[in-house]
Amino acid sequence: MPRVSIDGTEKVFEVKEGGILYDSLSDQGEELPHGCLSGSCGACRIEVVSGKENLQPAGVIESNTLESLRGEFTEKRGKDFVEGKTIRLACRAKVNGEVCFKPIK
């Protein structure tokens, strides 16, 4: 089973391969920031610290929301905040292998 860790903490979770990150952690008692849980609001945004290749590619809904978020982050926090980072939505990201992430506030 893939292992998922939260950067800056000692928290490590075993998750079912192909499982949605948010659901897998929630089932184990870990509450992540969330809103709609359908990929439209972006409240569950995370930065993938390592293992981005172990997440299934973003679908259309997630991609559209991420595009909007990148524009918002660039406008409010500057271009450097977004460059070189892998941003995903925990409610849509499906895990295929080891991943480390941190929520984006």
PDB file of N, CA and C in Angstrom:
ATOM      1  N   MET A   1       0.845  -1.186   0.000  1.00  0.00           N
ATOM      2  CA  MET A   1       0.000   0.000   0.000  1.00  0.00           C
ATOM      3  C   MET A   1       0.887   1.245   0.000  1.00  0.00           C
ATOM      4  N   PRO A   2       0.517   2.243  -0.814  1.00  0.00           N
ATOM      5  CA  PRO A   2       1.284   3.489  -0.846  1.00  0.00           C
ATOM      6  C   PRO A   2       1.233   4.209   0.503  1.00  0.00           C
ATOM      7  N   ARG A   3       2.317   4.925   0.793  1.00  0.00           N
ATOM      8  CA  ARG A   3       2.390   5.717   2.024  1.00  0.00           C
ATOM      9  C   ARG A   3       2.314   7.192   1.654  1.00  0.00           C
ATOM     10  N   VAL A   4       1.521   7.927   2.425  1.00  0.00           N
ATOM     11  CA  VAL A   4       1.348   9.363   2.234  1.00  0.00           C
ATOM     12  C   VAL A   4       1.763  10.049   3.524  1.00  0.00           C
ATOM     13  N   SER A   5       2.607  11.070   3.410  1.00  0.00           N
ATOM     14  CA  SER A   5       3.040  11.808   4.597  1.00  0.00           C
ATOM     15  C   SER A   5       2.731  13.293   4.427  1.00  0.00           C
ATOM     16  N   ILE A   6       2.566  13.955   5.583  1.00  0.00           N
ATOM     17  CA  ILE A   6       2.316  15.395   5.600  1.00  0.00           C
ATOM     18  C   ILE A   6       3.618  16.063   6.009  1.00  0.00           C
ATOM     19  N   ASP A   7       4.159  16.876   5.108  1.00  0.00           N
ATOM     20  CA  ASP A   7       5.435  17.549   5.320  1.00  0.00           C
ATOM     21  C   ASP A   7       5.421  18.372   6.607  1.00  0.00           C
ATOM     22  N   GLY A   8       6.514  18.302   7.341  1.00  0.00           N
ATOM     23  CA  GLY A   8       6.638  19.071   8.576  1.00  0.00           C
ATOM     24  C   GLY A   8       5.987  18.426   9.783  1.00  0.00           C
ATOM     25  N   THR A   9       5.462  17.215   9.596  1.00  0.00           N
ATOM     26  CA  THR A   9       4.843  16.482  10.700  1.00  0.00           C
ATOM     27  C   THR A   9       5.403  15.064  10.713  1.00  0.00           C
ATOM     28  N   GLU A  10       5.029  14.317  11.717  1.00  0.00           N
ATOM     29  CA  GLU A  10       5.409  12.901  11.809  1.00  0.00           C
ATOM     30  C   GLU A  10       4.314  12.010  11.223  1.00  0.00           C
ATOM     31  N   LYS A  11       3.277  12.609  10.647  1.00  0.00           N
ATOM     32  CA  LYS A  11       2.112  11.855  10.180  1.00  0.00           C
ATOM     33  C   LYS A  11       2.392  11.123   8.877  1.00  0.00           C
ATOM     34  N   VAL A  12       2.166   9.815   8.899  1.00  0.00           N
ATOM     35  CA  VAL A  12       2.319   8.963   7.729  1.00  0.00           C
ATOM     36  C   VAL A  12       1.112   8.035   7.688  1.00  0.00           C
ATOM     37  N   PHE A  13       0.524   7.897   6.506  1.00  0.00           N
ATOM     38  CA  PHE A  13      -0.684   7.094   6.334  1.00  0.00           C
ATOM     39  C   PHE A  13      -0.476   6.089   5.214  1.00  0.00           C
ATOM     40  N   GLU A  14      -0.976   4.887   5.417  1.00  0.00           N
ATOM     41  CA  GLU A  14      -1.029   3.910   4.334  1.00  0.00           C
ATOM     42  C   GLU A  14      -2.386   4.064   3.669  1.00  0.00           C
ATOM     43  N   VAL A  15      -2.373   4.160   2.338  1.00  0.00           N
ATOM     44  CA  VAL A  15      -3.615   4.377   1.597  1.00  0.00           C
ATOM     45  C   VAL A  15      -3.765   3.339   0.494  1.00  0.00           C
ATOM     46  N   LYS A  16      -4.981   3.109   0.103  1.00  0.00           N
ATOM     47  CA  LYS A  16      -5.272   2.165  -0.970  1.00  0.00           C
ATOM     48  C   LYS A  16      -4.808   2.758  -2.298  1.00  0.00           C
ATOM     49  N   GLU A  17      -4.107   1.963  -3.085  1.00  0.00           N
ATOM     50  CA  GLU A  17      -3.664   2.427  -4.396  1.00  0.00           C
ATOM     51  C   GLU A  17      -4.870   2.835  -5.241  1.00  0.00           C
ATOM     52  N   GLY A  18      -4.789   4.009  -5.842  1.00  0.00           N
ATOM     53  CA  GLY A  18      -5.880   4.539  -6.656  1.00  0.00           C
ATOM     54  C   GLY A  18      -6.914   5.292  -5.842  1.00  0.00           C
ATOM     55  N   GLY A  19      -6.720   5.347  -4.511  1.00  0.00           N
ATOM     56  CA  GLY A  19      -7.655   6.052  -3.644  1.00  0.00           C
ATOM     57  C   GLY A  19      -7.452   7.562  -3.712  1.00  0.00           C
ATOM     58  N   ILE A  20      -8.513   8.295  -3.449  1.00  0.00           N
ATOM     59  CA  ILE A  20      -8.454   9.754  -3.425  1.00  0.00           C
ATOM     60  C   ILE A  20      -7.776  10.186  -2.132  1.00  0.00           C
ATOM     61  N   LEU A  21      -6.815  11.068  -2.246  1.00  0.00           N
ATOM     62  CA  LEU A  21      -6.009  11.497  -1.102  1.00  0.00           C
ATOM     63  C   LEU A  21      -6.869  11.986   0.055  1.00  0.00           C
ATOM     64  N   TYR A  22      -7.779  12.910  -0.187  1.00  0.00           N
ATOM     65  CA  TYR A  22      -8.608  13.459   0.888  1.00  0.00           C
ATOM     66  C   TYR A  22      -9.403  12.353   1.581  1.00  0.00           C
ATOM     67  N   ASP A  23     -10.092  11.532   0.813  1.00  0.00           N
ATOM     68  CA  ASP A  23     -10.933  10.473   1.375  1.00  0.00           C
ATOM     69  C   ASP A  23     -10.104   9.473   2.182  1.00  0.00           C
ATOM     70  N   SER A  24      -8.946   9.103   1.650  1.00  0.00           N
ATOM     71  CA  SER A  24      -8.094   8.120   2.319  1.00  0.00           C
ATOM     72  C   SER A  24      -7.626   8.615   3.683  1.00  0.00           C
ATOM     73  N   LEU A  25      -7.259   9.895   3.768  1.00  0.00           N
ATOM     74  CA  LEU A  25      -6.799  10.443   5.043  1.00  0.00           C
ATOM     75  C   LEU A  25      -7.960  10.698   5.986  1.00  0.00           C
ATOM     76  N   SER A  26      -9.068  11.155   5.452  1.00  0.00           N
ATOM     77  CA  SER A  26     -10.263  11.399   6.266  1.00  0.00           C
ATOM     78  C   SER A  26     -10.743  10.101   6.916  1.00  0.00           C
ATOM     79  N   ASP A  27     -10.695   9.007   6.166  1.00  0.00           N
ATOM     80  CA  ASP A  27     -11.091   7.699   6.698  1.00  0.00           C
ATOM     81  C   ASP A  27     -10.216   7.273   7.881  1.00  0.00           C
ATOM     82  N   GLN A  28      -9.012   7.857   7.976  1.00  0.00           N
ATOM     83  CA  GLN A  28      -8.077   7.528   9.057  1.00  0.00           C
ATOM     84  C   GLN A  28      -8.042   8.615  10.133  1.00  0.00           C
ATOM     85  N   GLY A  29      -9.015   9.532  10.077  1.00  0.00           N
ATOM     86  CA  GLY A  29      -9.151  10.543  11.121  1.00  0.00           C
ATOM     87  C   GLY A  29      -8.404  11.840  10.891  1.00  0.00           C
ATOM     88  N   GLU A  30      -7.772  12.014   9.734  1.00  0.00           N
ATOM     89  CA  GLU A  30      -7.029  13.245   9.443  1.00  0.00           C
ATOM     90  C   GLU A  30      -7.929  14.206   8.659  1.00  0.00           C
ATOM     91  N   GLU A  31      -8.224  15.336   9.254  1.00  0.00           N
ATOM     92  CA  GLU A  31      -9.066  16.337   8.599  1.00  0.00           C
ATOM     93  C   GLU A  31      -8.202  17.351   7.879  1.00  0.00           C
ATOM     94  N   LEU A  32      -8.355  17.432   6.586  1.00  0.00           N
ATOM     95  CA  LEU A  32      -7.674  18.426   5.768  1.00  0.00           C
ATOM     96  C   LEU A  32      -8.646  19.554   5.454  1.00  0.00           C
ATOM     97  N   PRO A  33      -8.131  20.738   5.137  1.00  0.00           N
ATOM     98  CA  PRO A  33      -9.030  21.813   4.717  1.00  0.00           C
ATOM     99  C   PRO A  33      -9.851  21.348   3.512  1.00  0.00           C
ATOM    100  N   HIS A  34     -11.107  21.729   3.482  1.00  0.00           N
ATOM    101  CA  HIS A  34     -11.954  21.336   2.358  1.00  0.00           C
ATOM    102  C   HIS A  34     -13.143  22.280   2.240  1.00  0.00           C
ATOM    103  N   GLY A  35     -13.811  22.181   1.132  1.00  0.00           N
ATOM    104  CA  GLY A  35     -15.021  22.954   0.876  1.00  0.00           C
ATOM    105  C   GLY A  35     -16.029  22.047   0.191  1.00  0.00           C
ATOM    106  N   CYS A  36     -16.074  22.133  -1.127  1.00  0.00           N
ATOM    107  CA  CYS A  36     -17.094  21.423  -1.901  1.00  0.00           C
ATOM    108  C   CYS A  36     -16.825  19.930  -2.056  1.00  0.00           C
ATOM    109  N   LEU A  37     -15.573  19.515  -1.957  1.00  0.00           N
ATOM    110  CA  LEU A  37     -15.144  18.120  -2.164  1.00  0.00           C
ATOM    111  C   LEU A  37     -15.476  17.585  -3.557  1.00  0.00           C
ATOM    112  N   SER A  38     -15.658  18.498  -4.528  1.00  0.00           N
ATOM    113  CA  SER A  38     -15.901  18.074  -5.900  1.00  0.00           C
ATOM    114  C   SER A  38     -14.862  18.627  -6.869  1.00  0.00           C
ATOM    115  N   GLY A  39     -13.893  19.389  -6.346  1.00  0.00           N
ATOM    116  CA  GLY A  39     -12.822  19.897  -7.185  1.00  0.00           C
ATOM    117  C   GLY A  39     -13.067  21.266  -7.774  1.00  0.00           C
ATOM    118  N   SER A  40     -14.121  21.918  -7.367  1.00  0.00           N
ATOM    119  CA  SER A  40     -14.461  23.213  -7.956  1.00  0.00           C
ATOM    120  C   SER A  40     -14.021  24.418  -7.134  1.00  0.00           C
ATOM    121  N   CYS A  41     -13.932  24.281  -5.809  1.00  0.00           N
ATOM    122  CA  CYS A  41     -13.680  25.458  -4.971  1.00  0.00           C
ATOM    123  C   CYS A  41     -12.201  25.701  -4.694  1.00  0.00           C
ATOM    124  N   GLY A  42     -11.389  24.659  -4.680  1.00  0.00           N
ATOM    125  CA  GLY A  42      -9.959  24.811  -4.442  1.00  0.00           C
ATOM    126  C   GLY A  42      -9.555  24.915  -2.985  1.00  0.00           C
ATOM    127  N   ALA A  43     -10.486  24.732  -2.064  1.00  0.00           N
ATOM    128  CA  ALA A  43     -10.170  24.853  -0.639  1.00  0.00           C
ATOM    129  C   ALA A  43      -9.214  23.762  -0.157  1.00  0.00           C
ATOM    130  N   CYS A  44      -9.178  22.635  -0.829  1.00  0.00           N
ATOM    131  CA  CYS A  44      -8.349  21.508  -0.395  1.00  0.00           C
ATOM    132  C   CYS A  44      -6.998  21.477  -1.112  1.00  0.00           C
ATOM    133  N   ARG A  45      -6.567  22.616  -1.591  1.00  0.00           N
ATOM    134  CA  ARG A  45      -5.316  22.691  -2.348  1.00  0.00           C
ATOM    135  C   ARG A  45      -4.116  22.285  -1.488  1.00  0.00           C
ATOM    136  N   ILE A  46      -3.212  21.567  -2.147  1.00  0.00           N
ATOM    137  CA  ILE A  46      -2.002  21.098  -1.482  1.00  0.00           C
ATOM    138  C   ILE A  46      -0.809  21.351  -2.395  1.00  0.00           C
ATOM    139  N   GLU A  47       0.369  21.418  -1.788  1.00  0.00           N
ATOM    140  CA  GLU A  47       1.609  21.420  -2.550  1.00  0.00           C
ATOM    141  C   GLU A  47       2.229  20.044  -2.391  1.00  0.00           C
ATOM    142  N   VAL A  48       2.507  19.401  -3.504  1.00  0.00           N
ATOM    143  CA  VAL A  48       3.154  18.089  -3.471  1.00  0.00           C
ATOM    144  C   VAL A  48       4.653  18.331  -3.322  1.00  0.00           C
ATOM    145  N   VAL A  49       5.197  17.915  -2.194  1.00  0.00           N
ATOM    146  CA  VAL A  49       6.606  18.121  -1.878  1.00  0.00           C
ATOM    147  C   VAL A  49       7.463  17.071  -2.584  1.00  0.00           C
ATOM    148  N   SER A  50       6.984  15.842  -2.603  1.00  0.00           N
ATOM    149  CA  SER A  50       7.664  14.767  -3.333  1.00  0.00           C
ATOM    150  C   SER A  50       6.639  13.725  -3.751  1.00  0.00           C
ATOM    151  N   GLY A  51       6.967  13.020  -4.814  1.00  0.00           N
ATOM    152  CA  GLY A  51       6.091  11.954  -5.288  1.00  0.00           C
ATOM    153  C   GLY A  51       5.019  12.388  -6.266  1.00  0.00           C
ATOM    154  N   LYS A  52       5.192  13.544  -6.915  1.00  0.00           N
ATOM    155  CA  LYS A  52       4.157  14.005  -7.853  1.00  0.00           C
ATOM    156  C   LYS A  52       3.900  12.988  -8.960  1.00  0.00           C
ATOM    157  N   GLU A  53       4.941  12.218  -9.302  1.00  0.00           N
ATOM    158  CA  GLU A  53       4.788  11.193 -10.330  1.00  0.00           C
ATOM    159  C   GLU A  53       3.922  10.028  -9.853  1.00  0.00           C
ATOM    160  N   ASN A  54       3.649   9.972  -8.557  1.00  0.00           N
ATOM    161  CA  ASN A  54       2.829   8.907  -7.982  1.00  0.00           C
ATOM    162  C   ASN A  54       1.363   9.295  -7.816  1.00  0.00           C
ATOM    163  N   LEU A  55       0.985  10.412  -8.414  1.00  0.00           N
ATOM    164  CA  LEU A  55      -0.425  10.820  -8.450  1.00  0.00           C
ATOM    165  C   LEU A  55      -0.923  10.681  -9.877  1.00  0.00           C
ATOM    166  N   GLN A  56      -2.147  10.195 -10.029  1.00  0.00           N
ATOM    167  CA  GLN A  56      -2.717  10.127 -11.370  1.00  0.00           C
ATOM    168  C   GLN A  56      -2.855  11.540 -11.915  1.00  0.00           C
ATOM    169  N   PRO A  57      -2.761  11.714 -13.228  1.00  0.00           N
ATOM    170  CA  PRO A  57      -2.883  13.055 -13.804  1.00  0.00           C
ATOM    171  C   PRO A  57      -4.221  13.705 -13.428  1.00  0.00           C
ATOM    172  N   ALA A  58      -4.195  15.027 -13.315  1.00  0.00           N
ATOM    173  CA  ALA A  58      -5.407  15.778 -12.974  1.00  0.00           C
ATOM    174  C   ALA A  58      -6.420  15.670 -14.107  1.00  0.00           C
ATOM    175  N   GLY A  59      -7.675  15.500 -13.721  1.00  0.00           N
ATOM    176  CA  GLY A  59      -8.757  15.485 -14.697  1.00  0.00           C
ATOM    177  C   GLY A  59      -9.156  16.905 -15.080  1.00  0.00           C
ATOM    178  N   VAL A  60     -10.190  17.029 -15.885  1.00  0.00           N
ATOM    179  CA  VAL A  60     -10.630  18.316 -16.410  1.00  0.00           C
ATOM    180  C   VAL A  60     -11.061  19.268 -15.299  1.00  0.00           C
ATOM    181  N   ILE A  61     -11.883  18.810 -14.376  1.00  0.00           N
ATOM    182  CA  ILE A  61     -12.388  19.686 -13.306  1.00  0.00           C
ATOM    183  C   ILE A  61     -11.222  20.188 -12.452  1.00  0.00           C
ATOM    184  N   GLU A  62     -10.360  19.274 -12.029  1.00  0.00           N
ATOM    185  CA  GLU A  62      -9.219  19.672 -11.211  1.00  0.00           C
ATOM    186  C   GLU A  62      -8.305  20.619 -11.986  1.00  0.00           C
ATOM    187  N   SER A  63      -8.030  20.317 -13.243  1.00  0.00           N
ATOM    188  CA  SER A  63      -7.152  21.167 -14.056  1.00  0.00           C
ATOM    189  C   SER A  63      -7.698  22.585 -14.176  1.00  0.00           C
ATOM    190  N   ASN A  64      -8.993  22.706 -14.401  1.00  0.00           N
ATOM    191  CA  ASN A  64      -9.604  24.039 -14.516  1.00  0.00           C
ATOM    192  C   ASN A  64      -9.486  24.819 -13.207  1.00  0.00           C
ATOM    193  N   THR A  65      -9.745  24.152 -12.103  1.00  0.00           N
ATOM    194  CA  THR A  65      -9.646  24.812 -10.800  1.00  0.00           C
ATOM    195  C   THR A  65      -8.200  25.202 -10.504  1.00  0.00           C
ATOM    196  N   LEU A  66      -7.260  24.325 -10.812  1.00  0.00           N
ATOM    197  CA  LEU A  66      -5.844  24.618 -10.574  1.00  0.00           C
ATOM    198  C   LEU A  66      -5.367  25.790 -11.427  1.00  0.00           C
ATOM    199  N   GLU A  67      -5.828  25.874 -12.643  1.00  0.00           N
ATOM    200  CA  GLU A  67      -5.469  27.005 -13.510  1.00  0.00           C
ATOM    201  C   GLU A  67      -5.929  28.324 -12.890  1.00  0.00           C
ATOM    202  N   SER A  68      -7.141  28.326 -12.377  1.00  0.00           N
ATOM    203  CA  SER A  68      -7.680  29.510 -11.714  1.00  0.00           C
ATOM    204  C   SER A  68      -6.872  29.848 -10.458  1.00  0.00           C
ATOM    205  N   LEU A  69      -6.543  28.822  -9.656  1.00  0.00           N
ATOM    206  CA  LEU A  69      -5.762  29.034  -8.439  1.00  0.00           C
ATOM    207  C   LEU A  69      -4.376  29.592  -8.735  1.00  0.00           C
ATOM    208  N   ARG A  70      -3.731  29.085  -9.779  1.00  0.00           N
ATOM    209  CA  ARG A  70      -2.400  29.581 -10.136  1.00  0.00           C
ATOM    210  C   ARG A  70      -2.454  31.069 -10.463  1.00  0.00           C
ATOM    211  N   GLY A  71      -3.487  31.478 -11.192  1.00  0.00           N
ATOM    212  CA  GLY A  71      -3.652  32.891 -11.498  1.00  0.00           C
ATOM    213  C   GLY A  71      -3.862  33.716 -10.238  1.00  0.00           C
ATOM    214  N   GLU A  72      -4.680  33.218  -9.340  1.00  0.00           N
ATOM    215  CA  GLU A  72      -4.952  33.903  -8.067  1.00  0.00           C
ATOM    216  C   GLU A  72      -3.690  33.996  -7.217  1.00  0.00           C
ATOM    217  N   PHE A  73      -2.945  32.889  -7.116  1.00  0.00           N
ATOM    218  CA  PHE A  73      -1.708  32.885  -6.329  1.00  0.00           C
ATOM    219  C   PHE A  73      -0.680  33.851  -6.917  1.00  0.00           C
ATOM    220  N   THR A  74      -0.562  33.863  -8.249  1.00  0.00           N
ATOM    221  CA  THR A  74       0.395  34.752  -8.904  1.00  0.00           C
ATOM    222  C   THR A  74       0.038  36.208  -8.625  1.00  0.00           C
ATOM    223  N   GLU A  75      -1.237  36.515  -8.716  1.00  0.00           N
ATOM    224  CA  GLU A  75      -1.698  37.884  -8.482  1.00  0.00           C
ATOM    225  C   GLU A  75      -1.497  38.319  -7.031  1.00  0.00           C
ATOM    226  N   LYS A  76      -1.830  37.459  -6.078  1.00  0.00           N
ATOM    227  CA  LYS A  76      -1.787  37.829  -4.660  1.00  0.00           C
ATOM    228  C   LYS A  76      -0.432  37.601  -3.997  1.00  0.00           C
ATOM    229  N   ARG A  77       0.297  36.543  -4.425  1.00  0.00           N
ATOM    230  CA  ARG A  77       1.537  36.174  -3.736  1.00  0.00           C
ATOM    231  C   ARG A  77       2.781  36.306  -4.594  1.00  0.00           C
ATOM    232  N   GLY A  78       2.598  36.598  -5.855  1.00  0.00           N
ATOM    233  CA  GLY A  78       3.732  36.767  -6.759  1.00  0.00           C
ATOM    234  C   GLY A  78       4.043  35.518  -7.556  1.00  0.00           C
ATOM    235  N   LYS A  79       4.694  35.740  -8.672  1.00  0.00           N
ATOM    236  CA  LYS A  79       5.045  34.668  -9.610  1.00  0.00           C
ATOM    237  C   LYS A  79       5.902  33.586  -8.956  1.00  0.00           C
ATOM    238  N   ASP A  80       6.815  33.991  -8.055  1.00  0.00           N
ATOM    239  CA  ASP A  80       7.712  33.034  -7.405  1.00  0.00           C
ATOM    240  C   ASP A  80       6.974  32.022  -6.538  1.00  0.00           C
ATOM    241  N   PHE A  81       5.792  32.378  -6.040  1.00  0.00           N
ATOM    242  CA  PHE A  81       5.032  31.458  -5.189  1.00  0.00           C
ATOM    243  C   PHE A  81       4.596  30.223  -5.960  1.00  0.00           C
ATOM    244  N   VAL A  82       4.302  30.382  -7.235  1.00  0.00           N
ATOM    245  CA  VAL A  82       3.753  29.290  -8.044  1.00  0.00           C
ATOM    246  C   VAL A  82       4.830  28.521  -8.807  1.00  0.00           C
ATOM    247  N   GLU A  83       5.854  29.223  -9.277  1.00  0.00           N
ATOM    248  CA  GLU A  83       6.865  28.594 -10.126  1.00  0.00           C
ATOM    249  C   GLU A  83       7.553  27.418  -9.441  1.00  0.00           C
ATOM    250  N   GLY A  84       7.639  26.327 -10.172  1.00  0.00           N
ATOM    251  CA  GLY A  84       8.342  25.153  -9.680  1.00  0.00           C
ATOM    252  C   GLY A  84       7.582  24.308  -8.676  1.00  0.00           C
ATOM    253  N   LYS A  85       6.353  24.691  -8.338  1.00  0.00           N
ATOM    254  CA  LYS A  85       5.568  23.926  -7.368  1.00  0.00           C
ATOM    255  C   LYS A  85       4.536  23.063  -8.084  1.00  0.00           C
ATOM    256  N   THR A  86       4.269  21.910  -7.493  1.00  0.00           N
ATOM    257  CA  THR A  86       3.190  21.058  -7.981  1.00  0.00           C
ATOM    258  C   THR A  86       2.021  21.249  -7.023  1.00  0.00           C
ATOM    259  N   ILE A  87       0.977  21.878  -7.529  1.00  0.00           N
ATOM    260  CA  ILE A  87      -0.216  22.127  -6.729  1.00  0.00           C
ATOM    261  C   ILE A  87      -1.312  21.185  -7.218  1.00  0.00           C
ATOM    262  N   ARG A  88      -1.974  20.536  -6.280  1.00  0.00           N
ATOM    263  CA  ARG A  88      -3.068  19.617  -6.598  1.00  0.00           C
ATOM    264  C   ARG A  88      -4.200  19.844  -5.620  1.00  0.00           C
ATOM    265  N   LEU A  89      -5.328  19.206  -5.883  1.00  0.00           N
ATOM    266  CA  LEU A  89      -6.484  19.251  -4.988  1.00  0.00           C
ATOM    267  C   LEU A  89      -6.606  17.898  -4.303  1.00  0.00           C
ATOM    268  N   ALA A  90      -6.583  17.903  -2.974  1.00  0.00           N
ATOM    269  CA  ALA A  90      -6.641  16.653  -2.215  1.00  0.00           C
ATOM    270  C   ALA A  90      -7.922  15.877  -2.500  1.00  0.00           C
ATOM    271  N   CYS A  91      -9.010  16.577  -2.802  1.00  0.00           N
ATOM    272  CA  CYS A  91     -10.287  15.892  -3.026  1.00  0.00           C
ATOM    273  C   CYS A  91     -10.364  15.201  -4.381  1.00  0.00           C
ATOM    274  N   ARG A  92      -9.389  15.460  -5.260  1.00  0.00           N
ATOM    275  CA  ARG A  92      -9.410  14.862  -6.601  1.00  0.00           C
ATOM    276  C   ARG A  92      -8.178  14.002  -6.898  1.00  0.00           C
ATOM    277  N   ALA A  93      -7.079  14.239  -6.183  1.00  0.00           N
ATOM    278  CA  ALA A  93      -5.821  13.546  -6.469  1.00  0.00           C
ATOM    279  C   ALA A  93      -5.896  12.084  -6.056  1.00  0.00           C
ATOM    280  N   LYS A  94      -5.584  11.208  -7.005  1.00  0.00           N
ATOM    281  CA  LYS A  94      -5.583   9.770  -6.744  1.00  0.00           C
ATOM    282  C   LYS A  94      -4.148   9.281  -6.605  1.00  0.00           C
ATOM    283  N   VAL A  95      -3.904   8.531  -5.530  1.00  0.00           N
ATOM    284  CA  VAL A  95      -2.554   8.111  -5.141  1.00  0.00           C
ATOM    285  C   VAL A  95      -2.216   6.738  -5.710  1.00  0.00           C
ATOM    286  N   ASN A  96      -1.051   6.659  -6.374  1.00  0.00           N
ATOM    287  CA  ASN A  96      -0.565   5.380  -6.898  1.00  0.00           C
ATOM    288  C   ASN A  96       0.730   4.937  -6.243  1.00  0.00           C
ATOM    289  N   GLY A  97       1.342   5.795  -5.437  1.00  0.00           N
ATOM    290  CA  GLY A  97       2.610   5.480  -4.797  1.00  0.00           C
ATOM    291  C   GLY A  97       2.897   6.490  -3.699  1.00  0.00           C
ATOM    292  N   GLU A  98       4.097   6.451  -3.179  1.00  0.00           N
ATOM    293  CA  GLU A  98       4.481   7.305  -2.051  1.00  0.00           C
ATOM    294  C   GLU A  98       4.424   8.788  -2.418  1.00  0.00           C
ATOM    295  N   VAL A  99       3.800   9.572  -1.528  1.00  0.00           N
ATOM    296  CA  VAL A  99       3.621  11.016  -1.733  1.00  0.00           C
ATOM    297  C   VAL A  99       3.830  11.743  -0.411  1.00  0.00           C
ATOM    298  N   CYS A 100       4.453  12.917  -0.488  1.00  0.00           N
ATOM    299  CA  CYS A 100       4.564  13.819   0.655  1.00  0.00           C
ATOM    300  C   CYS A 100       3.978  15.152   0.214  1.00  0.00           C
ATOM    301  N   PHE A 101       3.131  15.752   1.054  1.00  0.00           N
ATOM    302  CA  PHE A 101       2.472  17.008   0.682  1.00  0.00           C
ATOM    303  C   PHE A 101       2.331  17.910   1.887  1.00  0.00           C
ATOM    304  N   LYS A 102       1.962  19.154   1.604  1.00  0.00           N
ATOM    305  CA  LYS A 102       1.577  20.078   2.669  1.00  0.00           C
ATOM    306  C   LYS A 102       0.408  20.912   2.178  1.00  0.00           C
ATOM    307  N   PRO A 103      -0.566  21.167   3.056  1.00  0.00           N
ATOM    308  CA  PRO A 103      -1.691  22.017   2.675  1.00  0.00           C
ATOM    309  C   PRO A 103      -1.214  23.433   2.373  1.00  0.00           C
ATOM    310  N   ILE A 104      -1.857  24.096   1.440  1.00  0.00           N
ATOM    311  CA  ILE A 104      -1.563  25.488   1.126  1.00  0.00           C
ATOM    312  C   ILE A 104      -2.639  26.339   1.770  1.00  0.00           C
ATOM    313  N   LYS A 105      -2.219  27.279   2.591  1.00  0.00           N
ATOM    314  CA  LYS A 105      -3.160  28.155   3.271  1.00  0.00           C
ATOM    315  C   LYS A 105      -3.335  29.454   2.540  1.00  0.00           C
TER     316      LYS A 105
END
